[in-house]
Amino acid sequence: MSINAILNKDILILGFKTGRSKYKENADYTTVQFEHEDERHVFFTGSQVIADQLRKYEANLPFVATIRKINRYYTLT
């Protein structure tokens, strides 16, 4: 699912993993598994802000969050 399709909506973040991008050299990406409207989905993001926030709150999984776009970056609230 596109990250833009769930902007400003509550989602239940179930888990995530990070890895190296196949498309951008020296770049990481994060795969996020979440539930929205009782269906499980995933989205992929290169957002370092979201990756840092997920690592910081990993012990609290699963948790409800909202993805917001602030200027040029995405963040969890």
PDB file of N, CA and C in Angstrom:
ATOM      1  N   MET A   1       0.851  -1.173   0.000  1.00  0.00           N
ATOM      2  CA  MET A   1       0.000   0.000   0.000  1.00  0.00           C
ATOM      3  C   MET A   1       0.896   1.234   0.000  1.00  0.00           C
ATOM      4  N   SER A   2       0.495   2.224  -0.693  1.00  0.00           N
ATOM      5  CA  SER A   2       1.254   3.473  -0.753  1.00  0.00           C
ATOM      6  C   SER A   2       1.162   4.210   0.573  1.00  0.00           C
ATOM      7  N   ILE A   3       2.255   4.786   0.985  1.00  0.00           N
ATOM      8  CA  ILE A   3       2.265   5.550   2.233  1.00  0.00           C
ATOM      9  C   ILE A   3       1.312   6.744   2.132  1.00  0.00           C
ATOM     10  N   ASN A   4       1.167   7.300   0.933  1.00  0.00           N
ATOM     11  CA  ASN A   4       0.261   8.438   0.756  1.00  0.00           C
ATOM     12  C   ASN A   4      -1.204   8.053   0.950  1.00  0.00           C
ATOM     13  N   ALA A   5      -1.547   6.783   0.751  1.00  0.00           N
ATOM     14  CA  ALA A   5      -2.928   6.319   0.924  1.00  0.00           C
ATOM     15  C   ALA A   5      -3.342   6.276   2.389  1.00  0.00           C
ATOM     16  N   ILE A   6      -2.366   6.266   3.283  1.00  0.00           N
ATOM     17  CA  ILE A   6      -2.693   6.182   4.709  1.00  0.00           C
ATOM     18  C   ILE A   6      -2.256   7.415   5.497  1.00  0.00           C
ATOM     19  N   LEU A   7      -1.864   8.465   4.800  1.00  0.00           N
ATOM     20  CA  LEU A   7      -1.489   9.702   5.491  1.00  0.00           C
ATOM     21  C   LEU A   7      -2.646  10.193   6.351  1.00  0.00           C
ATOM     22  N   ASN A   8      -2.327  10.646   7.547  1.00  0.00           N
ATOM     23  CA  ASN A   8      -3.290  11.238   8.472  1.00  0.00           C
ATOM     24  C   ASN A   8      -4.398  10.281   8.909  1.00  0.00           C
ATOM     25  N   LYS A   9      -4.147   8.971   8.817  1.00  0.00           N
ATOM     26  CA  LYS A   9      -5.108   7.972   9.271  1.00  0.00           C
ATOM     27  C   LYS A   9      -4.456   7.133  10.357  1.00  0.00           C
ATOM     28  N   ASP A  10      -5.254   6.726  11.331  1.00  0.00           N
ATOM     29  CA  ASP A  10      -4.735   5.851  12.382  1.00  0.00           C
ATOM     30  C   ASP A  10      -4.480   4.465  11.815  1.00  0.00           C
ATOM     31  N   ILE A  11      -3.296   3.928  12.108  1.00  0.00           N
ATOM     32  CA  ILE A  11      -2.955   2.556  11.715  1.00  0.00           C
ATOM     33  C   ILE A  11      -2.353   1.855  12.928  1.00  0.00           C
ATOM     34  N   LEU A  12      -2.489   0.545  12.954  1.00  0.00           N
ATOM     35  CA  LEU A  12      -1.891  -0.261  14.008  1.00  0.00           C
ATOM     36  C   LEU A  12      -0.612  -0.851  13.450  1.00  0.00           C
ATOM     37  N   ILE A  13       0.512  -0.384  13.932  1.00  0.00           N
ATOM     38  CA  ILE A  13       1.797  -0.878  13.454  1.00  0.00           C
ATOM     39  C   ILE A  13       2.111  -2.182  14.166  1.00  0.00           C
ATOM     40  N   LEU A  14       2.301  -3.240  13.373  1.00  0.00           N
ATOM     41  CA  LEU A  14       2.502  -4.581  13.908  1.00  0.00           C
ATOM     42  C   LEU A  14       3.972  -4.979  13.969  1.00  0.00           C
ATOM     43  N   GLY A  15       4.755  -4.510  13.015  1.00  0.00           N
ATOM     44  CA  GLY A  15       6.163  -4.862  12.980  1.00  0.00           C
ATOM     45  C   GLY A  15       6.862  -4.164  11.837  1.00  0.00           C
ATOM     46  N   PHE A  16       8.184  -4.302  11.791  1.00  0.00           N
ATOM     47  CA  PHE A  16       8.959  -3.669  10.733  1.00  0.00           C
ATOM     48  C   PHE A  16      10.299  -4.378  10.602  1.00  0.00           C
ATOM     49  N   LYS A  17      10.936  -4.156   9.479  1.00  0.00           N
ATOM     50  CA  LYS A  17      12.314  -4.606   9.288  1.00  0.00           C
ATOM     51  C   LYS A  17      12.998  -3.623   8.357  1.00  0.00           C
ATOM     52  N   THR A  18      14.295  -3.509   8.505  1.00  0.00           N
ATOM     53  CA  THR A  18      15.061  -2.608   7.652  1.00  0.00           C
ATOM     54  C   THR A  18      16.025  -3.422   6.814  1.00  0.00           C
ATOM     55  N   GLY A  19      16.393  -2.858   5.687  1.00  0.00           N
ATOM     56  CA  GLY A  19      17.330  -3.525   4.802  1.00  0.00           C
ATOM     57  C   GLY A  19      17.970  -2.529   3.856  1.00  0.00           C
ATOM     58  N   ARG A  20      18.887  -3.025   3.051  1.00  0.00           N
ATOM     59  CA  ARG A  20      19.569  -2.193   2.063  1.00  0.00           C
ATOM     60  C   ARG A  20      18.727  -2.087   0.804  1.00  0.00           C
ATOM     61  N   SER A  21      18.651  -0.907   0.250  1.00  0.00           N
ATOM     62  CA  SER A  21      17.901  -0.677  -0.978  1.00  0.00           C
ATOM     63  C   SER A  21      18.609  -1.307  -2.170  1.00  0.00           C
ATOM     64  N   LYS A  22      17.838  -1.911  -3.039  1.00  0.00           N
ATOM     65  CA  LYS A  22      18.382  -2.457  -4.283  1.00  0.00           C
ATOM     66  C   LYS A  22      18.501  -1.359  -5.343  1.00  0.00           C
ATOM     67  N   TYR A  23      17.779  -0.273  -5.129  1.00  0.00           N
ATOM     68  CA  TYR A  23      17.668   0.753  -6.157  1.00  0.00           C
ATOM     69  C   TYR A  23      18.543   1.978  -5.913  1.00  0.00           C
ATOM     70  N   LYS A  24      18.817   2.285  -4.637  1.00  0.00           N
ATOM     71  CA  LYS A  24      19.654   3.436  -4.313  1.00  0.00           C
ATOM     72  C   LYS A  24      20.911   2.957  -3.613  1.00  0.00           C
ATOM     73  N   GLU A  25      22.032   3.377  -4.114  1.00  0.00           N
ATOM     74  CA  GLU A  25      23.304   2.973  -3.522  1.00  0.00           C
ATOM     75  C   GLU A  25      23.472   3.601  -2.137  1.00  0.00           C
ATOM     76  N   ASN A  26      23.941   2.806  -1.186  1.00  0.00           N
ATOM     77  CA  ASN A  26      24.180   3.245   0.193  1.00  0.00           C
ATOM     78  C   ASN A  26      22.935   3.797   0.876  1.00  0.00           C
ATOM     79  N   ALA A  27      21.770   3.254   0.539  1.00  0.00           N
ATOM     80  CA  ALA A  27      20.519   3.712   1.143  1.00  0.00           C
ATOM     81  C   ALA A  27      19.805   2.534   1.801  1.00  0.00           C
ATOM     82  N   ASP A  28      19.118   2.824   2.885  1.00  0.00           N
ATOM     83  CA  ASP A  28      18.318   1.830   3.583  1.00  0.00           C
ATOM     84  C   ASP A  28      16.842   2.081   3.300  1.00  0.00           C
ATOM     85  N   TYR A  29      16.052   1.047   3.522  1.00  0.00           N
ATOM     86  CA  TYR A  29      14.608   1.191   3.443  1.00  0.00           C
ATOM     87  C   TYR A  29      14.005   0.423   4.609  1.00  0.00           C
ATOM     88  N   THR A  30      12.772   0.733   4.933  1.00  0.00           N
ATOM     89  CA  THR A  30      12.071   0.059   6.011  1.00  0.00           C
ATOM     90  C   THR A  30      10.763  -0.501   5.462  1.00  0.00           C
ATOM     91  N   THR A  31      10.493  -1.752   5.788  1.00  0.00           N
ATOM     92  CA  THR A  31       9.220  -2.384   5.458  1.00  0.00           C
ATOM     93  C   THR A  31       8.398  -2.390   6.738  1.00  0.00           C
ATOM     94  N   VAL A  32       7.201  -1.833   6.678  1.00  0.00           N
ATOM     95  CA  VAL A  32       6.353  -1.726   7.857  1.00  0.00           C
ATOM     96  C   VAL A  32       5.083  -2.531   7.639  1.00  0.00           C
ATOM     97  N   GLN A  33       4.798  -3.454   8.565  1.00  0.00           N
ATOM     98  CA  GLN A  33       3.549  -4.208   8.514  1.00  0.00           C
ATOM     99  C   GLN A  33       2.565  -3.513   9.444  1.00  0.00           C
ATOM    100  N   PHE A  34       1.344  -3.291   8.933  1.00  0.00           N
ATOM    101  CA  PHE A  34       0.353  -2.579   9.726  1.00  0.00           C
ATOM    102  C   PHE A  34      -1.039  -3.095   9.414  1.00  0.00           C
ATOM    103  N   GLU A  35      -1.965  -2.700  10.274  1.00  0.00           N
ATOM    104  CA  GLU A  35      -3.371  -3.045  10.085  1.00  0.00           C
ATOM    105  C   GLU A  35      -4.163  -1.757   9.953  1.00  0.00           C
ATOM    106  N   HIS A  36      -5.046  -1.729   8.963  1.00  0.00           N
ATOM    107  CA  HIS A  36      -5.921  -0.572   8.742  1.00  0.00           C
ATOM    108  C   HIS A  36      -7.266  -1.095   8.287  1.00  0.00           C
ATOM    109  N   GLU A  37      -8.306  -0.667   8.967  1.00  0.00           N
ATOM    110  CA  GLU A  37      -9.668  -1.122   8.672  1.00  0.00           C
ATOM    111  C   GLU A  37      -9.750  -2.650   8.658  1.00  0.00           C
ATOM    112  N   ASP A  38      -9.158  -3.277   9.676  1.00  0.00           N
ATOM    113  CA  ASP A  38      -9.184  -4.733   9.890  1.00  0.00           C
ATOM    114  C   ASP A  38      -8.516  -5.540   8.777  1.00  0.00           C
ATOM    115  N   GLU A  39      -7.630  -4.928   8.011  1.00  0.00           N
ATOM    116  CA  GLU A  39      -6.863  -5.645   6.994  1.00  0.00           C
ATOM    117  C   GLU A  39      -5.381  -5.369   7.200  1.00  0.00           C
ATOM    118  N   ARG A  40      -4.568  -6.401   6.974  1.00  0.00           N
ATOM    119  CA  ARG A  40      -3.118  -6.242   7.099  1.00  0.00           C
ATOM    120  C   ARG A  40      -2.525  -5.794   5.770  1.00  0.00           C
ATOM    121  N   HIS A  41      -1.565  -4.891   5.878  1.00  0.00           N
ATOM    122  CA  HIS A  41      -0.883  -4.339   4.710  1.00  0.00           C
ATOM    123  C   HIS A  41       0.586  -4.130   5.057  1.00  0.00           C
ATOM    124  N   VAL A  42       1.362  -3.763   4.057  1.00  0.00           N
ATOM    125  CA  VAL A  42       2.729  -3.309   4.268  1.00  0.00           C
ATOM    126  C   VAL A  42       2.956  -2.049   3.437  1.00  0.00           C
ATOM    127  N   PHE A  43       3.878  -1.227   3.895  1.00  0.00           N
ATOM    128  CA  PHE A  43       4.376  -0.135   3.064  1.00  0.00           C
ATOM    129  C   PHE A  43       5.882  -0.099   3.206  1.00  0.00           C
ATOM    130  N   PHE A  44       6.519   0.466   2.210  1.00  0.00           N
ATOM    131  CA  PHE A  44       7.969   0.594   2.164  1.00  0.00           C
ATOM    132  C   PHE A  44       8.304   2.071   2.212  1.00  0.00           C
ATOM    133  N   THR A  45       9.338   2.411   2.963  1.00  0.00           N
ATOM    134  CA  THR A  45       9.730   3.809   3.042  1.00  0.00           C
ATOM    135  C   THR A  45      11.237   3.934   3.210  1.00  0.00           C
ATOM    136  N   GLY A  46      11.766   4.994   2.660  1.00  0.00           N
ATOM    137  CA  GLY A  46      13.169   5.340   2.847  1.00  0.00           C
ATOM    138  C   GLY A  46      13.330   6.399   3.914  1.00  0.00           C
ATOM    139  N   SER A  47      12.229   6.741   4.589  1.00  0.00           N
ATOM    140  CA  SER A  47      12.254   7.789   5.609  1.00  0.00           C
ATOM    141  C   SER A  47      13.112   7.381   6.801  1.00  0.00           C
ATOM    142  N   GLN A  48      14.182   8.104   7.014  1.00  0.00           N
ATOM    143  CA  GLN A  48      15.043   7.844   8.163  1.00  0.00           C
ATOM    144  C   GLN A  48      14.345   8.228   9.456  1.00  0.00           C
ATOM    145  N   VAL A  49      13.489   9.237   9.401  1.00  0.00           N
ATOM    146  CA  VAL A  49      12.745   9.676  10.590  1.00  0.00           C
ATOM    147  C   VAL A  49      11.837   8.551  11.076  1.00  0.00           C
ATOM    148  N   ILE A  50      11.072   7.950  10.164  1.00  0.00           N
ATOM    149  CA  ILE A  50      10.186   6.847  10.548  1.00  0.00           C
ATOM    150  C   ILE A  50      11.003   5.657  11.046  1.00  0.00           C
ATOM    151  N   ALA A  51      12.082   5.328  10.374  1.00  0.00           N
ATOM    152  CA  ALA A  51      12.930   4.209  10.800  1.00  0.00           C
ATOM    153  C   ALA A  51      13.455   4.434  12.221  1.00  0.00           C
ATOM    154  N   ASP A  52      13.911   5.630  12.517  1.00  0.00           N
ATOM    155  CA  ASP A  52      14.417   5.944  13.855  1.00  0.00           C
ATOM    156  C   ASP A  52      13.313   5.836  14.910  1.00  0.00           C
ATOM    157  N   GLN A  53      12.116   6.340  14.574  1.00  0.00           N
ATOM    158  CA  GLN A  53      11.001   6.279  15.512  1.00  0.00           C
ATOM    159  C   GLN A  53      10.583   4.824  15.773  1.00  0.00           C
ATOM    160  N   LEU A  54      10.559   4.006  14.735  1.00  0.00           N
ATOM    161  CA  LEU A  54      10.183   2.602  14.914  1.00  0.00           C
ATOM    162  C   LEU A  54      11.185   1.874  15.803  1.00  0.00           C
ATOM    163  N   ARG A  55      12.467   2.118  15.607  1.00  0.00           N
ATOM    164  CA  ARG A  55      13.484   1.496  16.463  1.00  0.00           C
ATOM    165  C   ARG A  55      13.336   1.962  17.913  1.00  0.00           C
ATOM    166  N   LYS A  56      13.041   3.243  18.094  1.00  0.00           N
ATOM    167  CA  LYS A  56      12.913   3.804  19.438  1.00  0.00           C
ATOM    168  C   LYS A  56      11.749   3.171  20.206  1.00  0.00           C
ATOM    169  N   TYR A  57      10.641   2.895  19.507  1.00  0.00           N
ATOM    170  CA  TYR A  57       9.443   2.380  20.173  1.00  0.00           C
ATOM    171  C   TYR A  57       9.175   0.903  19.869  1.00  0.00           C
ATOM    172  N   GLU A  58      10.186   0.194  19.414  1.00  0.00           N
ATOM    173  CA  GLU A  58      10.027  -1.214  19.048  1.00  0.00           C
ATOM    174  C   GLU A  58       9.495  -2.062  20.208  1.00  0.00           C
ATOM    175  N   ALA A  59       9.897  -1.766  21.425  1.00  0.00           N
ATOM    176  CA  ALA A  59       9.449  -2.531  22.591  1.00  0.00           C
ATOM    177  C   ALA A  59       7.951  -2.361  22.852  1.00  0.00           C
ATOM    178  N   ASN A  60       7.340  -1.335  22.274  1.00  0.00           N
ATOM    179  CA  ASN A  60       5.917  -1.062  22.491  1.00  0.00           C
ATOM    180  C   ASN A  60       5.013  -1.655  21.413  1.00  0.00           C
ATOM    181  N   LEU A  61       5.589  -2.381  20.450  1.00  0.00           N
ATOM    182  CA  LEU A  61       4.789  -2.951  19.374  1.00  0.00           C
ATOM    183  C   LEU A  61       3.797  -3.970  19.920  1.00  0.00           C
ATOM    184  N   PRO A  62       2.608  -4.081  19.382  1.00  0.00           N
ATOM    185  CA  PRO A  62       2.016  -3.204  18.367  1.00  0.00           C
ATOM    186  C   PRO A  62       1.517  -1.901  19.006  1.00  0.00           C
ATOM    187  N   PHE A  63       1.477  -0.832  18.213  1.00  0.00           N
ATOM    188  CA  PHE A  63       0.966   0.448  18.694  1.00  0.00           C
ATOM    189  C   PHE A  63       0.270   1.192  17.563  1.00  0.00           C
ATOM    190  N   VAL A  64      -0.629   2.078  17.959  1.00  0.00           N
ATOM    191  CA  VAL A  64      -1.376   2.884  16.992  1.00  0.00           C
ATOM    192  C   VAL A  64      -0.583   4.149  16.717  1.00  0.00           C
ATOM    193  N   ALA A  65      -0.503   4.505  15.445  1.00  0.00           N
ATOM    194  CA  ALA A  65       0.210   5.725  15.051  1.00  0.00           C
ATOM    195  C   ALA A  65      -0.472   6.334  13.832  1.00  0.00           C
ATOM    196  N   THR A  66      -0.142   7.560  13.563  1.00  0.00           N
ATOM    197  CA  THR A  66      -0.609   8.270  12.381  1.00  0.00           C
ATOM    198  C   THR A  66       0.620   8.783  11.639  1.00  0.00           C
ATOM    199  N   ILE A  67       0.651   8.570  10.333  1.00  0.00           N
ATOM    200  CA  ILE A  67       1.764   9.079   9.529  1.00  0.00           C
ATOM    201  C   ILE A  67       1.391  10.461   9.025  1.00  0.00           C
ATOM    202  N   ARG A  68       2.264  11.393   9.285  1.00  0.00           N
ATOM    203  CA  ARG A  68       2.062  12.779   8.838  1.00  0.00           C
ATOM    204  C   ARG A  68       3.212  13.160   7.912  1.00  0.00           C
ATOM    205  N   LYS A  69       2.907  14.012   6.963  1.00  0.00           N
ATOM    206  CA  LYS A  69       3.952  14.556   6.095  1.00  0.00           C
ATOM    207  C   LYS A  69       4.164  16.002   6.499  1.00  0.00           C
ATOM    208  N   ILE A  70       5.370  16.286   6.937  1.00  0.00           N
ATOM    209  CA  ILE A  70       5.720  17.642   7.364  1.00  0.00           C
ATOM    210  C   ILE A  70       6.800  18.138   6.419  1.00  0.00           C
ATOM    211  N   ASN A  71       6.446  19.136   5.653  1.00  0.00           N
ATOM    212  CA  ASN A  71       7.318  19.659   4.604  1.00  0.00           C
ATOM    213  C   ASN A  71       7.720  18.524   3.664  1.00  0.00           C
ATOM    214  N   ARG A  72       8.980  18.082   3.732  1.00  0.00           N
ATOM    215  CA  ARG A  72       9.457  17.063   2.800  1.00  0.00           C
ATOM    216  C   ARG A  72       9.705  15.718   3.452  1.00  0.00           C
ATOM    217  N   TYR A  73       9.292  15.538   4.706  1.00  0.00           N
ATOM    218  CA  TYR A  73       9.556  14.251   5.334  1.00  0.00           C
ATOM    219  C   TYR A  73       8.312  13.704   6.048  1.00  0.00           C
ATOM    220  N   TYR A  74       8.340  12.391   6.280  1.00  0.00           N
ATOM    221  CA  TYR A  74       7.245  11.708   6.971  1.00  0.00           C
ATOM    222  C   TYR A  74       7.640  11.447   8.415  1.00  0.00           C
ATOM    223  N   THR A  75       6.644  11.467   9.298  1.00  0.00           N
ATOM    224  CA  THR A  75       6.873  11.201  10.709  1.00  0.00           C
ATOM    225  C   THR A  75       5.671  10.471  11.297  1.00  0.00           C
ATOM    226  N   LEU A  76       5.888   9.756  12.391  1.00  0.00           N
ATOM    227  CA  LEU A  76       4.811   9.097  13.111  1.00  0.00           C
ATOM    228  C   LEU A  76       4.371   9.987  14.271  1.00  0.00           C
ATOM    229  N   THR A  77       3.080  10.068  14.471  1.00  0.00           N
ATOM    230  CA  THR A  77       2.557  10.800  15.633  1.00  0.00           C
ATOM    231  C   THR A  77       1.613   9.912  16.383  1.00  0.00           C
TER     232      THR A  77
END
